Amino acid sequence: MTQRNQCVVYKTGDTTGHPLIDVDFSAVKYHPNSEKPTADASAELTIYPIGVYAATHGNASASLYFKCPTKDPEGTKPYIQASVHSTADQVSAKATAKDSMDILNSVSRSMAKQLGCASQADLPANVPLPEQS
């Protein structure tokens, strides 16, 4: 895997210049701690029990880290960091944070399969409900 892979999707006919979604993958050495956020952390952070770390940040973005060892010139990196972002003017009023995680999990499952690490990635076919705080 190269250092980073990105896919930006635009709505047909949209003239804002803002992508519908921006999906990004990077090989990384570390992942965030999945402990509950501190009181000063964003109230919109929601943790999901998939991969080694998964969280949504409001309704327009999500992050997911999963096990998938890769090698590059800098050495072995044990995780893939995946993220999806959208801008407020592109997100449906009906969209939920879980919708972002559903999209990211689906794309990440496909990536893990292509990289040969699906069995260790811990990415279920259906995203479970978020962890309760």
Protein backbone atom coordinates (compact mmCIF):
# COMPACT_ATOMS: atom_id res chain seq x y z
CA MET A 1 0.00 0.00 0.00
CA THR A 2 1.27 3.45 -0.76
CA GLN A 3 1.42 6.02 2.01
CA ARG A 4 -2.06 7.35 1.26
CA ASN A 5 -5.03 6.64 -0.99
CA GLN A 6 -7.87 9.10 -1.43
CA CYS A 7 -11.17 9.10 -3.31
CA VAL A 8 -13.26 12.25 -3.68
CA VAL A 9 -16.85 11.91 -4.96
CA TYR A 10 -18.93 14.79 -6.31
CA LYS A 11 -22.66 14.94 -7.05
CA THR A 12 -23.48 15.17 -10.75
CA GLY A 13 -24.38 18.72 -11.64
CA ASP A 14 -23.25 20.17 -8.31
CA THR A 15 -21.67 23.60 -8.72
CA THR A 16 -20.49 24.22 -5.15
CA GLY A 17 -17.12 22.58 -5.66
CA HIS A 18 -17.63 20.69 -2.40
CA PRO A 19 -17.38 16.90 -2.53
CA LEU A 20 -20.28 14.71 -1.51
CA ILE A 21 -17.75 12.55 0.34
CA ASP A 22 -13.99 12.40 0.67
CA VAL A 23 -12.67 8.96 1.64
CA ASP A 24 -9.05 8.64 2.72
CA PHE A 25 -6.86 5.65 3.66
CA SER A 26 -3.38 5.73 5.20
CA ALA A 27 -1.07 3.12 6.68
CA VAL A 28 -0.20 4.14 10.24
CA LYS A 29 1.84 2.89 13.20
CA TYR A 30 -0.61 3.88 15.94
CA HIS A 31 -4.32 4.28 16.60
CA PRO A 32 -6.24 6.49 19.04
CA ASN A 33 -7.21 5.22 22.45
CA SER A 34 -10.79 3.98 22.51
CA GLU A 35 -11.43 5.06 26.09
CA LYS A 36 -14.32 7.41 26.64
CA PRO A 37 -13.53 11.02 25.72
CA THR A 38 -12.80 13.48 28.48
CA ALA A 39 -15.34 16.09 29.53
CA ASP A 40 -13.66 18.72 27.36
CA ALA A 41 -13.85 16.52 24.24
CA SER A 42 -16.49 17.22 21.63
CA ALA A 43 -19.95 16.13 22.67
CA GLU A 44 -20.48 14.94 19.11
CA LEU A 45 -17.81 12.21 19.30
CA THR A 46 -19.43 8.77 19.16
CA ILE A 47 -17.37 5.57 19.56
CA TYR A 48 -18.27 2.37 17.67
CA PRO A 49 -17.11 -1.16 18.62
CA ILE A 50 -15.46 -2.09 15.30
CA GLY A 51 -11.87 -2.30 14.11
CA VAL A 52 -9.36 -1.19 16.74
CA TYR A 53 -10.91 2.28 16.94
CA ALA A 54 -13.94 3.82 15.26
CA ALA A 55 -15.67 7.13 15.88
CA THR A 56 -17.96 9.61 14.23
CA HIS A 57 -17.55 13.33 14.67
CA GLY A 58 -20.99 14.83 14.25
CA ASN A 59 -22.93 13.76 11.16
CA ALA A 60 -20.36 14.67 8.53
CA SER A 61 -17.22 12.69 9.36
CA ALA A 62 -16.00 9.36 10.66
CA SER A 63 -12.66 7.73 11.46
CA LEU A 64 -11.88 4.03 11.55
CA TYR A 65 -8.63 2.20 12.31
CA PHE A 66 -8.24 -1.49 11.61
CA LYS A 67 -5.49 -4.10 11.78
CA CYS A 68 -3.82 -4.60 8.43
CA PRO A 69 -0.01 -4.81 8.50
CA THR A 70 1.66 -3.13 5.54
CA LYS A 71 5.28 -2.44 4.65
CA ASP A 72 6.71 0.65 3.07
CA PRO A 73 10.17 2.24 2.93
CA GLU A 74 9.67 3.48 6.51
CA GLY A 75 9.01 -0.05 7.83
CA THR A 76 5.96 -2.02 8.90
CA LYS A 77 2.79 -0.22 9.84
CA PRO A 78 0.23 -2.40 11.64
CA TYR A 79 -2.92 -0.35 11.02
CA ILE A 80 -4.92 1.34 8.31
CA GLN A 81 -6.54 4.65 9.14
CA ALA A 82 -9.70 5.28 7.15
CA SER A 83 -11.74 8.45 7.20
CA VAL A 84 -14.75 9.90 5.44
CA HIS A 85 -15.69 13.57 5.41
CA SER A 86 -18.42 15.64 3.88
CA THR A 87 -19.26 19.31 4.04
CA ALA A 88 -22.38 20.61 5.74
CA ASP A 89 -23.95 21.72 2.46
CA GLN A 90 -23.61 18.18 1.05
CA VAL A 91 -25.01 16.22 4.00
CA SER A 92 -28.71 15.38 3.90
CA ALA A 93 -30.79 16.74 6.75
CA LYS A 94 -31.83 13.12 7.35
CA ALA A 95 -28.23 11.87 7.63
CA THR A 96 -27.02 10.47 10.92
CA ALA A 97 -23.57 9.87 12.35
CA LYS A 98 -24.15 6.14 11.91
CA ASP A 99 -24.70 6.71 8.18
CA SER A 100 -21.13 8.03 7.94
CA MET A 101 -19.82 5.01 9.85
CA ASP A 102 -21.85 2.62 7.67
CA ILE A 103 -20.27 4.11 4.53
CA LEU A 104 -16.77 4.07 5.97
CA ASN A 105 -17.08 0.52 7.29
CA SER A 106 -18.34 -0.76 3.94
CA VAL A 107 -15.50 0.83 1.98
CA SER A 108 -12.97 -0.28 4.62
CA ARG A 109 -14.21 -3.88 4.47
CA SER A 110 -13.58 -3.85 0.73
CA MET A 111 -10.13 -2.34 1.22
CA ALA A 112 -9.25 -4.94 3.88
CA LYS A 113 -10.37 -7.73 1.55
CA GLN A 114 -8.24 -6.37 -1.29
CA LEU A 115 -5.22 -6.07 1.03
CA GLY A 116 -5.70 -9.62 2.36
CA CYS A 117 -6.34 -8.63 5.96
CA ALA A 118 -10.14 -8.95 6.20
CA SER A 119 -9.93 -11.73 8.80
CA GLN A 120 -8.00 -9.57 11.27
CA ALA A 121 -9.61 -6.19 10.50
CA ASP A 122 -12.68 -6.78 12.73
CA LEU A 123 -15.04 -5.00 10.36
CA PRO A 124 -18.51 -6.56 10.55
CA ALA A 125 -21.00 -6.67 7.68
CA ASN A 126 -23.32 -4.43 9.72
CA VAL A 127 -22.12 -1.69 12.03
CA PRO A 128 -23.37 -2.29 15.58
CA LEU A 129 -24.89 0.49 17.63
CA PRO A 130 -22.36 2.86 19.19
CA GLU A 131 -20.97 2.31 22.65
CA GLN A 132 -22.99 3.93 25.41
CA SER A 133 -21.26 6.54 27.55
